Protein backbone atom coordinates (compact mmCIF):
# COMPACT_ATOMS: atom_id res chain seq x y z
CA UNK A 1 0.00 0.00 0.00
CA UNK A 2 2.96 2.30 -0.57
CA UNK A 3 2.23 5.73 -1.96
CA UNK A 4 -1.13 6.32 -0.25
CA UNK A 5 -1.38 9.93 0.88
CA UNK A 6 -3.49 11.37 3.64
CA UNK A 7 -5.93 13.05 1.22
CA UNK A 8 -6.65 9.71 -0.50
CA UNK A 9 -7.04 7.94 2.84
CA UNK A 10 -9.37 10.63 4.21
CA UNK A 11 -11.51 10.66 1.05
CA UNK A 12 -11.92 6.87 1.15
CA UNK A 13 -12.70 6.85 4.89
CA UNK A 14 -15.43 9.46 4.35
CA UNK A 15 -16.89 8.11 1.10
CA UNK A 16 -16.80 4.36 1.73
CA UNK A 17 -16.58 3.82 5.48
CA UNK A 18 -18.89 6.44 7.04
CA UNK A 19 -16.32 8.69 8.76
CA UNK A 20 -16.82 12.48 9.07
CA UNK A 21 -14.62 15.46 9.96
CA UNK A 22 -14.39 16.75 13.51
CA UNK A 23 -12.94 20.18 14.37
CA UNK A 24 -9.29 20.37 13.27
CA UNK A 25 -6.29 21.38 15.34
CA UNK A 26 -2.70 21.46 14.12
CA UNK A 27 -1.47 19.32 11.25
CA UNK A 28 -3.78 16.35 11.90
CA UNK A 29 -7.35 16.03 10.65
CA UNK A 30 -9.73 14.41 13.10
CA UNK A 31 -12.37 12.03 11.74
CA UNK A 32 -15.23 10.68 13.82
CA UNK A 33 -17.66 7.79 13.64
CA UNK A 34 -18.26 6.16 17.02
CA UNK A 35 -14.69 7.07 17.97
CA UNK A 36 -12.16 9.69 16.87
CA UNK A 37 -9.38 8.90 14.43
CA UNK A 38 -6.32 11.12 13.96
CA UNK A 39 -4.73 11.13 10.49
CA UNK A 40 -1.44 12.98 9.92
CA UNK A 41 -1.49 15.17 6.81
CA UNK A 42 1.27 13.83 4.57
CA UNK A 43 1.71 13.23 0.87
CA UNK A 44 2.79 9.61 1.47
CA UNK A 45 1.87 7.95 4.75
CA UNK A 46 4.39 5.46 6.16
CA UNK A 47 3.04 1.91 5.84
CA UNK A 48 3.02 1.47 9.62
CA UNK A 49 0.97 4.66 10.07
CA UNK A 50 -1.52 3.60 7.40
CA UNK A 51 -1.81 0.13 8.94
CA UNK A 52 -2.38 1.67 12.38
CA UNK A 53 -5.11 4.02 11.11
CA UNK A 54 -6.88 1.16 9.34
CA UNK A 55 -6.65 -1.04 12.44
CA UNK A 56 -8.09 1.72 14.65
CA UNK A 57 -10.88 2.24 12.10
CA UNK A 58 -11.70 -1.47 12.04
CA UNK A 59 -10.95 -1.75 8.31
CA UNK A 60 -9.05 -4.74 6.95
CA UNK A 61 -6.23 -4.29 4.46
CA UNK A 62 -8.31 -6.17 1.88
CA UNK A 63 -11.36 -3.91 2.37
CA UNK A 64 -9.18 -0.83 1.97
CA UNK A 65 -7.42 -2.12 -1.14
CA UNK A 66 -10.80 -3.00 -2.69
CA UNK A 67 -12.03 0.61 -2.48
CA UNK A 68 -8.59 2.09 -3.26
CA UNK A 69 -8.64 0.56 -6.75
PDB file of N, CA and C in Angstrom:
ATOM      1  N   UNK A   1       0.823  -1.192   0.000  1.00  0.00           N
ATOM      2  CA  UNK A   1       0.000   0.000   0.000  1.00  0.00           C
ATOM      3  C   UNK A   1       0.866   1.255   0.000  1.00  0.00           C
ATOM      4  N   UNK A   2       2.062   1.150  -0.513  1.00  0.00           N
ATOM      5  CA  UNK A   2       2.956   2.298  -0.566  1.00  0.00           C
ATOM      6  C   UNK A   2       2.366   3.380  -1.459  1.00  0.00           C
ATOM      7  N   UNK A   3       2.662   4.622  -1.141  1.00  0.00           N
ATOM      8  CA  UNK A   3       2.225   5.731  -1.963  1.00  0.00           C
ATOM      9  C   UNK A   3       0.830   6.238  -1.689  1.00  0.00           C
ATOM     10  N   UNK A   4       0.201   5.810  -0.603  1.00  0.00           N
ATOM     11  CA  UNK A   4      -1.126   6.318  -0.250  1.00  0.00           C
ATOM     12  C   UNK A   4      -0.938   7.564   0.599  1.00  0.00           C
ATOM     13  N   UNK A   5      -1.481   8.678   0.139  1.00  0.00           N
ATOM     14  CA  UNK A   5      -1.379   9.927   0.876  1.00  0.00           C
ATOM     15  C   UNK A   5      -2.564  10.139   1.792  1.00  0.00           C
ATOM     16  N   UNK A   6      -2.426  11.111   2.672  1.00  0.00           N
ATOM     17  CA  UNK A   6      -3.490  11.367   3.644  1.00  0.00           C
ATOM     18  C   UNK A   6      -4.784  11.807   2.970  1.00  0.00           C
ATOM     19  N   UNK A   7      -4.707  12.588   1.897  1.00  0.00           N
ATOM     20  CA  UNK A   7      -5.925  13.051   1.224  1.00  0.00           C
ATOM     21  C   UNK A   7      -6.707  11.871   0.644  1.00  0.00           C
ATOM     22  N   UNK A   8      -6.000  10.911   0.039  1.00  0.00           N
ATOM     23  CA  UNK A   8      -6.652   9.711  -0.496  1.00  0.00           C
ATOM     24  C   UNK A   8      -7.289   8.909   0.622  1.00  0.00           C
ATOM     25  N   UNK A   9      -6.526   8.695   1.701  1.00  0.00           N
ATOM     26  CA  UNK A   9      -7.041   7.938   2.841  1.00  0.00           C
ATOM     27  C   UNK A   9      -8.286   8.596   3.414  1.00  0.00           C
ATOM     28  N   UNK A  10      -8.242   9.904   3.627  1.00  0.00           N
ATOM     29  CA  UNK A  10      -9.372  10.631   4.213  1.00  0.00           C
ATOM     30  C   UNK A  10     -10.594  10.557   3.299  1.00  0.00           C
ATOM     31  N   UNK A  11     -10.396  10.739   2.000  1.00  0.00           N
ATOM     32  CA  UNK A  11     -11.506  10.660   1.045  1.00  0.00           C
ATOM     33  C   UNK A  11     -12.168   9.284   1.093  1.00  0.00           C
ATOM     34  N   UNK A  12     -11.364   8.223   1.118  1.00  0.00           N
ATOM     35  CA  UNK A  12     -11.924   6.871   1.154  1.00  0.00           C
ATOM     36  C   UNK A  12     -12.623   6.587   2.474  1.00  0.00           C
ATOM     37  N   UNK A  13     -12.056   7.052   3.588  1.00  0.00           N
ATOM     38  CA  UNK A  13     -12.698   6.848   4.888  1.00  0.00           C
ATOM     39  C   UNK A  13     -14.067   7.523   4.926  1.00  0.00           C
ATOM     40  N   UNK A  14     -14.155   8.727   4.362  1.00  0.00           N
ATOM     41  CA  UNK A  14     -15.430   9.458   4.352  1.00  0.00           C
ATOM     42  C   UNK A  14     -16.421   8.824   3.382  1.00  0.00           C
ATOM     43  N   UNK A  15     -15.991   8.557   2.168  1.00  0.00           N
ATOM     44  CA  UNK A  15     -16.888   8.113   1.103  1.00  0.00           C
ATOM     45  C   UNK A  15     -17.355   6.666   1.268  1.00  0.00           C
ATOM     46  N   UNK A  16     -16.475   5.794   1.721  1.00  0.00           N
ATOM     47  CA  UNK A  16     -16.798   4.364   1.727  1.00  0.00           C
ATOM     48  C   UNK A  16     -16.991   3.746   3.107  1.00  0.00           C
ATOM     49  N   UNK A  17     -16.540   4.441   4.167  1.00  0.00           N
ATOM     50  CA  UNK A  17     -16.576   3.818   5.482  1.00  0.00           C
ATOM     51  C   UNK A  17     -17.323   4.637   6.528  1.00  0.00           C
ATOM     52  N   UNK A  18     -18.001   5.717   6.139  1.00  0.00           N
ATOM     53  CA  UNK A  18     -18.890   6.443   7.039  1.00  0.00           C
ATOM     54  C   UNK A  18     -18.246   7.392   8.032  1.00  0.00           C
ATOM     55  N   UNK A  19     -16.982   7.764   7.844  1.00  0.00           N
ATOM     56  CA  UNK A  19     -16.319   8.694   8.760  1.00  0.00           C
ATOM     57  C   UNK A  19     -16.645  10.128   8.363  1.00  0.00           C
ATOM     58  N   UNK A  20     -16.551  11.061   9.317  1.00  0.00           N
ATOM     59  CA  UNK A  20     -16.822  12.481   9.072  1.00  0.00           C
ATOM     60  C   UNK A  20     -15.764  13.317   9.783  1.00  0.00           C
ATOM     61  N   UNK A  21     -15.582  14.558   9.327  1.00  0.00           N
ATOM     62  CA  UNK A  21     -14.617  15.458   9.956  1.00  0.00           C
ATOM     63  C   UNK A  21     -15.100  15.933  11.314  1.00  0.00           C
ATOM     64  N   UNK A  22     -14.171  16.074  12.236  1.00  0.00           N
ATOM     65  CA  UNK A  22     -14.393  16.751  13.514  1.00  0.00           C
ATOM     66  C   UNK A  22     -13.560  18.032  13.455  1.00  0.00           C
ATOM     67  N   UNK A  23     -13.745  18.959  14.395  1.00  0.00           N
ATOM     68  CA  UNK A  23     -12.940  20.183  14.368  1.00  0.00           C
ATOM     69  C   UNK A  23     -11.443  19.866  14.318  1.00  0.00           C
ATOM     70  N   UNK A  24     -10.702  20.626  13.505  1.00  0.00           N
ATOM     71  CA  UNK A  24      -9.285  20.371  13.272  1.00  0.00           C
ATOM     72  C   UNK A  24      -8.409  21.230  14.165  1.00  0.00           C
ATOM     73  N   UNK A  25      -7.327  20.631  14.648  1.00  0.00           N
ATOM     74  CA  UNK A  25      -6.287  21.380  15.343  1.00  0.00           C
ATOM     75  C   UNK A  25      -4.943  20.907  14.826  1.00  0.00           C
ATOM     76  N   UNK A  26      -4.042  21.827  14.553  1.00  0.00           N
ATOM     77  CA  UNK A  26      -2.695  21.460  14.121  1.00  0.00           C
ATOM     78  C   UNK A  26      -2.664  20.817  12.754  1.00  0.00           C
ATOM     79  N   UNK A  27      -1.693  19.922  12.564  1.00  0.00           N
ATOM     80  CA  UNK A  27      -1.465  19.321  11.253  1.00  0.00           C
ATOM     81  C   UNK A  27      -2.158  17.973  11.079  1.00  0.00           C
ATOM     82  N   UNK A  28      -3.042  17.611  12.006  1.00  0.00           N
ATOM     83  CA  UNK A  28      -3.775  16.349  11.899  1.00  0.00           C
ATOM     84  C   UNK A  28      -5.263  16.643  11.732  1.00  0.00           C
ATOM     85  N   UNK A  29      -5.899  15.950  10.787  1.00  0.00           N
ATOM     86  CA  UNK A  29      -7.349  16.034  10.650  1.00  0.00           C
ATOM     87  C   UNK A  29      -7.961  14.998  11.575  1.00  0.00           C
ATOM     88  N   UNK A  30      -9.047  15.329  12.211  1.00  0.00           N
ATOM     89  CA  UNK A  30      -9.728  14.408  13.104  1.00  0.00           C
ATOM     90  C   UNK A  30     -11.011  13.946  12.421  1.00  0.00           C
ATOM     91  N   UNK A  31     -11.171  12.629  12.319  1.00  0.00           N
ATOM     92  CA  UNK A  31     -12.369  12.033  11.738  1.00  0.00           C
ATOM     93  C   UNK A  31     -13.117  11.308  12.846  1.00  0.00           C
ATOM     94  N   UNK A  32     -14.443  11.341  12.789  1.00  0.00           N
ATOM     95  CA  UNK A  32     -15.227  10.677  13.824  1.00  0.00           C
ATOM     96  C   UNK A  32     -16.234   9.715  13.209  1.00  0.00           C
ATOM     97  N   UNK A  33     -16.589   8.723  13.956  1.00  0.00           N
ATOM     98  CA  UNK A  33     -17.662   7.787  13.645  1.00  0.00           C
ATOM     99  C   UNK A  33     -18.253   7.493  15.013  1.00  0.00           C
ATOM    100  N   UNK A  34     -17.910   6.377  15.620  1.00  0.00           N
ATOM    101  CA  UNK A  34     -18.259   6.165  17.022  1.00  0.00           C
ATOM    102  C   UNK A  34     -17.051   6.467  17.901  1.00  0.00           C
ATOM    103  N   UNK A  35     -15.904   6.683  17.280  1.00  0.00           N
ATOM    104  CA  UNK A  35     -14.687   7.068  17.974  1.00  0.00           C
ATOM    105  C   UNK A  35     -13.971   8.089  17.117  1.00  0.00           C
ATOM    106  N   UNK A  36     -12.940   8.712  17.640  1.00  0.00           N
ATOM    107  CA  UNK A  36     -12.165   9.689  16.873  1.00  0.00           C
ATOM    108  C   UNK A  36     -10.925   9.021  16.304  1.00  0.00           C
ATOM    109  N   UNK A  37     -10.522   9.470  15.135  1.00  0.00           N
ATOM    110  CA  UNK A  37      -9.384   8.901  14.426  1.00  0.00           C
ATOM    111  C   UNK A  37      -8.504  10.047  13.944  1.00  0.00           C
ATOM    112  N   UNK A  38      -7.248  10.068  14.353  1.00  0.00           N
ATOM    113  CA  UNK A  38      -6.318  11.121  13.961  1.00  0.00           C
ATOM    114  C   UNK A  38      -5.490  10.653  12.770  1.00  0.00           C
ATOM    115  N   UNK A  39      -5.476  11.469  11.696  1.00  0.00           N
ATOM    116  CA  UNK A  39      -4.732  11.130  10.485  1.00  0.00           C
ATOM    117  C   UNK A  39      -3.735  12.247  10.203  1.00  0.00           C
ATOM    118  N   UNK A  40      -2.425  11.952  10.234  1.00  0.00           N
ATOM    119  CA  UNK A  40      -1.440  12.982   9.922  1.00  0.00           C
ATOM    120  C   UNK A  40      -1.550  13.389   8.454  1.00  0.00           C
ATOM    121  N   UNK A  41      -1.391  14.683   8.184  1.00  0.00           N
ATOM    122  CA  UNK A  41      -1.495  15.171   6.805  1.00  0.00           C
ATOM    123  C   UNK A  41      -0.130  15.069   6.145  1.00  0.00           C
ATOM    124  N   UNK A  42       0.019  14.075   5.284  1.00  0.00           N
ATOM    125  CA  UNK A  42       1.267  13.832   4.568  1.00  0.00           C
ATOM    126  C   UNK A  42       0.957  13.372   3.159  1.00  0.00           C
ATOM    127  N   UNK A  43       1.878  13.670   2.252  1.00  0.00           N
ATOM    128  CA  UNK A  43       1.714  13.227   0.867  1.00  0.00           C
ATOM    129  C   UNK A  43       1.720  11.702   0.792  1.00  0.00           C
ATOM    130  N   UNK A  44       2.713  11.071   1.409  1.00  0.00           N
ATOM    131  CA  UNK A  44       2.789   9.607   1.466  1.00  0.00           C
ATOM    132  C   UNK A  44       2.864   9.189   2.923  1.00  0.00           C
ATOM    133  N   UNK A  45       1.882   8.430   3.371  1.00  0.00           N
ATOM    134  CA  UNK A  45       1.871   7.948   4.748  1.00  0.00           C
ATOM    135  C   UNK A  45       2.798   6.740   4.870  1.00  0.00           C
ATOM    136  N   UNK A  46       3.599   6.673   5.932  1.00  0.00           N
ATOM    137  CA  UNK A  46       4.389   5.462   6.157  1.00  0.00           C
ATOM    138  C   UNK A  46       3.454   4.258   6.290  1.00  0.00           C
ATOM    139  N   UNK A  47       3.893   3.099   5.825  1.00  0.00           N
ATOM    140  CA  UNK A  47       3.037   1.910   5.839  1.00  0.00           C
ATOM    141  C   UNK A  47       2.558   1.571   7.239  1.00  0.00           C
ATOM    142  N   UNK A  48       3.413   1.752   8.236  1.00  0.00           N
ATOM    143  CA  UNK A  48       3.018   1.474   9.615  1.00  0.00           C
ATOM    144  C   UNK A  48       1.921   2.404  10.094  1.00  0.00           C
ATOM    145  N   UNK A  49       2.002   3.679   9.691  1.00  0.00           N
ATOM    146  CA  UNK A  49       0.974   4.657  10.065  1.00  0.00           C
ATOM    147  C   UNK A  49      -0.346   4.303   9.411  1.00  0.00           C
ATOM    148  N   UNK A  50      -0.304   3.989   8.121  1.00  0.00           N
ATOM    149  CA  UNK A  50      -1.520   3.601   7.403  1.00  0.00           C
ATOM    150  C   UNK A  50      -2.136   2.349   8.027  1.00  0.00           C
ATOM    151  N   UNK A  51      -1.312   1.357   8.326  1.00  0.00           N
ATOM    152  CA  UNK A  51      -1.811   0.125   8.940  1.00  0.00           C
ATOM    153  C   UNK A  51      -2.449   0.414  10.297  1.00  0.00           C
ATOM    154  N   UNK A  52      -1.846   1.310  11.063  1.00  0.00           N
ATOM    155  CA  UNK A  52      -2.381   1.666  12.378  1.00  0.00           C
ATOM    156  C   UNK A  52      -3.729   2.372  12.258  1.00  0.00           C
ATOM    157  N   UNK A  53      -3.843   3.306  11.318  1.00  0.00           N
ATOM    158  CA  UNK A  53      -5.107   4.024  11.113  1.00  0.00           C
ATOM    159  C   UNK A  53      -6.202   3.042  10.707  1.00  0.00           C
ATOM    160  N   UNK A  54      -5.887   2.143   9.782  1.00  0.00           N
ATOM    161  CA  UNK A  54      -6.883   1.163   9.342  1.00  0.00           C
ATOM    162  C   UNK A  54      -7.295   0.242  10.482  1.00  0.00           C
ATOM    163  N   UNK A  55      -6.337  -0.180  11.298  1.00  0.00           N
ATOM    164  CA  UNK A  55      -6.654  -1.044  12.435  1.00  0.00           C
ATOM    165  C   UNK A  55      -7.571  -0.322  13.416  1.00  0.00           C
ATOM    166  N   UNK A  56      -7.259   0.937  13.733  1.00  0.00           N
ATOM    167  CA  UNK A  56      -8.094   1.717  14.647  1.00  0.00           C
ATOM    168  C   UNK A  56      -9.495   1.917  14.083  1.00  0.00           C
ATOM    169  N   UNK A  57      -9.589   2.030  12.751  1.00  0.00           N
ATOM    170  CA  UNK A  57     -10.880   2.243  12.096  1.00  0.00           C
ATOM    171  C   UNK A  57     -11.664   0.945  11.932  1.00  0.00           C
ATOM    172  N   UNK A  58     -11.020  -0.186  12.196  1.00  0.00           N
ATOM    173  CA  UNK A  58     -11.699  -1.472  12.037  1.00  0.00           C
ATOM    174  C   UNK A  58     -11.848  -1.886  10.587  1.00  0.00           C
ATOM    175  N   UNK A  59     -10.902  -1.454   9.747  1.00  0.00           N
ATOM    176  CA  UNK A  59     -10.949  -1.745   8.314  1.00  0.00           C
ATOM    177  C   UNK A  59      -9.801  -2.689   7.978  1.00  0.00           C
ATOM    178  N   UNK A  60     -10.110  -3.803   7.333  1.00  0.00           N
ATOM    179  CA  UNK A  60      -9.054  -4.743   6.950  1.00  0.00           C
ATOM    180  C   UNK A  60      -8.278  -4.186   5.755  1.00  0.00           C
ATOM    181  N   UNK A  61      -7.067  -4.693   5.593  1.00  0.00           N
ATOM    182  CA  UNK A  61      -6.230  -4.291   4.461  1.00  0.00           C
ATOM    183  C   UNK A  61      -6.953  -4.597   3.150  1.00  0.00           C
ATOM    184  N   UNK A  62      -7.601  -5.755   3.093  1.00  0.00           N
ATOM    185  CA  UNK A  62      -8.306  -6.173   1.881  1.00  0.00           C
ATOM    186  C   UNK A  62      -9.474  -5.239   1.557  1.00  0.00           C
ATOM    187  N   UNK A  63     -10.245  -4.853   2.584  1.00  0.00           N
ATOM    188  CA  UNK A  63     -11.362  -3.914   2.373  1.00  0.00           C
ATOM    189  C   UNK A  63     -10.842  -2.592   1.819  1.00  0.00           C
ATOM    190  N   UNK A  64      -9.744  -2.107   2.400  1.00  0.00           N
ATOM    191  CA  UNK A  64      -9.181  -0.833   1.972  1.00  0.00           C
ATOM    192  C   UNK A  64      -8.680  -0.915   0.538  1.00  0.00           C
ATOM    193  N   UNK A  65      -7.945  -1.973   0.217  1.00  0.00           N
ATOM    194  CA  UNK A  65      -7.421  -2.123  -1.141  1.00  0.00           C
ATOM    195  C   UNK A  65      -8.541  -2.234  -2.165  1.00  0.00           C
ATOM    196  N   UNK A  66      -9.645  -2.858  -1.791  1.00  0.00           N
ATOM    197  CA  UNK A  66     -10.795  -3.000  -2.690  1.00  0.00           C
ATOM    198  C   UNK A  66     -11.345  -1.630  -3.094  1.00  0.00           C
ATOM    199  N   UNK A  67     -11.481  -0.709  -2.144  1.00  0.00           N
ATOM    200  CA  UNK A  67     -12.027   0.613  -2.480  1.00  0.00           C
ATOM    201  C   UNK A  67     -10.954   1.559  -3.009  1.00  0.00           C
ATOM    202  N   UNK A  68      -9.680   1.257  -2.756  1.00  0.00           N
ATOM    203  CA  UNK A  68      -8.586   2.090  -3.262  1.00  0.00           C
ATOM    204  C   UNK A  68      -8.473   1.967  -4.771  1.00  0.00           C
ATOM    205  N   UNK A  69      -8.790   0.806  -5.304  1.00  0.00           N
ATOM    206  CA  UNK A  69      -8.641   0.555  -6.751  1.00  0.00           C
ATOM    207  C   UNK A  69      -9.673   1.218  -7.566  1.00  0.00           C
TER     208      UNK A  69
END
